[in-house]
Structures are given as C-alpha cells and as structure tokens.
Amino acid sequence: METYYKPEDLLKFEDIGKDSPELAKKFFEYYSAVFAEGELTEREKSLIALAVAHAVQCPYCIDAYTQTCLEKGSNMAEMTEAIHVAVAIRGGASLVHGVQMRNVGEKISM
C-alpha cells in the first residue's frame, strides 16, 4: 500500500539543506549538540526523543529513535513507559483546555 511516509525517506533528511546549506548546517550542529552526552545521558535523551516523537506523531522520528533507543541499551518496557509518559502529558494538556471550553460556555450561557 502506498503511503505518504516512506521509511527510506528518513535517509534523505540531510538533503533538506540542499537549497539552504548554512541554515541546515546550523540546525545539524545544534541537533548534534542537543543529543550529545551532558547532564542527561545519550540513552535518556533518546528515550525523551522517542516519547516526543509519539506526541508530535512523526513516523520518521519514531523509526529513528526506536532504533537509537535500542542501540543505546533501552529495552521495550522502558520505551513503552516513556511513550505512556508522553501520552499522559498530551492527554492532560488536551483535557485542561476543557477549562477554556467551560469558561466560554459559562460566559455565553449567562
């Protein structure tokens, strides 16, 4: 089945800078610095990235960070728990916006 997202396109990510090489260079330098070992380990950063990838629903990132997490020593249970953290935050953020709905609804109903 033909889909919009093709796993092989992930390998073309660096090509994004063909028409704007200076900006791409800056982005990739920043990206590399963010994922370098620091206060958080590379493994921890990969778990965060995997969770965020699910929250923003990026299939390319999900593929990439699933592989990276496994390479950095994470297991499926840890990865699944990280995803649940993202789901809880995403769900809570959606629910708390219900306060806005209630505020507007109450104002209009007066």
Protein backbone atom coordinates (compact mmCIF):
# COMPACT_ATOMS: atom_id res chain seq x y z
CA MET A 1 0.00 0.00 0.00
CA GLU A 2 1.32 3.43 -0.93
CA THR A 3 1.64 5.83 1.99
CA TYR A 4 2.75 9.41 2.44
CA TYR A 5 5.54 8.40 4.79
CA LYS A 6 8.20 6.17 3.33
CA PRO A 7 10.84 4.78 5.72
CA GLU A 8 13.56 5.18 3.11
CA ASP A 9 12.90 8.94 3.07
CA LEU A 10 14.44 9.18 6.54
CA LEU A 11 17.81 8.62 4.88
CA LYS A 12 17.20 11.79 2.84
CA PHE A 13 16.90 14.02 5.94
CA GLU A 14 20.31 15.61 5.41
CA ASP A 15 19.26 16.58 1.89
CA ILE A 16 16.90 19.13 3.43
CA GLY A 17 19.77 21.63 3.36
CA LYS A 18 20.50 21.46 -0.36
CA ASP A 19 18.92 24.85 -1.05
CA SER A 20 19.85 26.43 2.27
CA PRO A 21 23.15 24.89 3.35
CA GLU A 22 24.09 27.46 6.00
CA LEU A 23 20.80 27.11 7.86
CA ALA A 24 20.94 23.33 7.58
CA LYS A 25 24.50 23.33 8.91
CA LYS A 26 23.43 25.39 11.92
CA PHE A 27 20.46 23.14 12.57
CA PHE A 28 22.50 19.93 12.37
CA GLU A 29 25.22 21.40 14.62
CA TYR A 30 22.55 22.33 17.17
CA TYR A 31 20.86 18.94 16.82
CA SER A 32 24.15 17.15 17.41
CA ALA A 33 24.92 19.29 20.45
CA VAL A 34 21.48 18.64 21.95
CA PHE A 35 21.90 14.87 21.71
CA ALA A 36 25.49 14.77 22.97
CA GLU A 37 26.17 13.41 26.43
CA GLY A 38 25.57 16.11 29.03
CA GLU A 39 23.58 16.26 32.25
CA LEU A 40 21.41 13.59 30.62
CA THR A 41 22.92 10.50 29.05
CA GLU A 42 22.52 9.85 25.34
CA ARG A 43 20.25 6.95 26.31
CA GLU A 44 18.00 9.20 28.39
CA LYS A 45 17.85 11.79 25.61
CA SER A 46 16.88 9.08 23.14
CA LEU A 47 14.00 7.95 25.38
CA ILE A 48 12.79 11.55 25.63
CA ALA A 49 13.05 11.92 21.86
CA LEU A 50 11.09 8.70 21.32
CA ALA A 51 8.32 9.92 23.64
CA VAL A 52 8.19 13.33 21.97
CA ALA A 53 8.15 11.66 18.54
CA HIS A 54 4.97 9.89 19.56
CA ALA A 55 3.45 13.09 20.98
CA VAL A 56 4.10 15.01 17.75
CA GLN A 57 3.29 11.90 15.69
CA CYS A 58 6.40 11.87 13.50
CA PRO A 59 6.80 8.41 11.97
CA TYR A 60 10.35 9.19 10.82
CA CYS A 61 11.35 10.15 14.36
CA ILE A 62 9.58 7.11 15.80
CA ASP A 63 11.57 4.85 13.46
CA ALA A 64 14.86 6.64 14.13
CA TYR A 65 14.54 6.86 17.90
CA THR A 66 13.23 3.33 18.31
CA GLN A 67 16.45 2.15 16.70
CA THR A 68 18.57 4.65 18.66
CA CYS A 69 16.98 3.67 21.98
CA LEU A 70 17.72 0.02 21.32
CA GLU A 71 21.29 0.84 20.29
CA LYS A 72 21.77 2.90 23.48
CA GLY A 73 20.65 -0.02 25.66
CA SER A 74 16.98 0.70 26.31
CA ASN A 75 14.50 -2.14 26.29
CA MET A 76 10.94 -2.32 25.07
CA ALA A 77 9.48 -1.92 28.57
CA GLU A 78 11.40 1.34 29.12
CA MET A 79 10.48 2.61 25.68
CA THR A 80 6.81 1.78 26.21
CA GLU A 81 6.81 3.53 29.59
CA ALA A 82 8.38 6.64 28.00
CA ILE A 83 5.59 6.67 25.42
CA HIS A 84 2.99 6.42 28.18
CA VAL A 85 4.52 9.46 29.86
CA ALA A 86 4.12 11.41 26.62
CA VAL A 87 0.55 10.15 26.22
CA ALA A 88 -0.33 11.20 29.78
CA ILE A 89 1.07 14.70 29.25
CA ARG A 90 -0.59 15.03 25.83
CA GLY A 91 -3.90 13.79 27.20
CA GLY A 92 -3.71 16.02 30.25
CA ALA A 93 -2.88 19.03 28.12
CA SER A 94 -5.92 18.33 25.97
CA LEU A 95 -8.16 17.86 28.99
CA VAL A 96 -7.01 21.01 30.77
CA HIS A 97 -8.08 23.00 27.72
CA GLY A 98 -11.56 21.92 28.71
CA VAL A 99 -11.36 24.71 31.29
CA GLN A 100 -11.27 27.17 28.40
CA MET A 101 -14.33 25.49 26.89
CA ARG A 102 -16.14 25.72 30.23
CA ASN A 103 -15.19 29.39 30.66
CA VAL A 104 -16.55 30.29 27.23
CA GLY A 105 -19.61 28.11 27.68
CA GLU A 106 -20.43 29.65 31.05
CA LYS A 107 -19.92 33.17 29.69
CA ILE A 108 -22.23 32.55 26.71
CA SER A 109 -24.83 30.79 28.89
CA MET A 110 -25.21 33.80 31.22
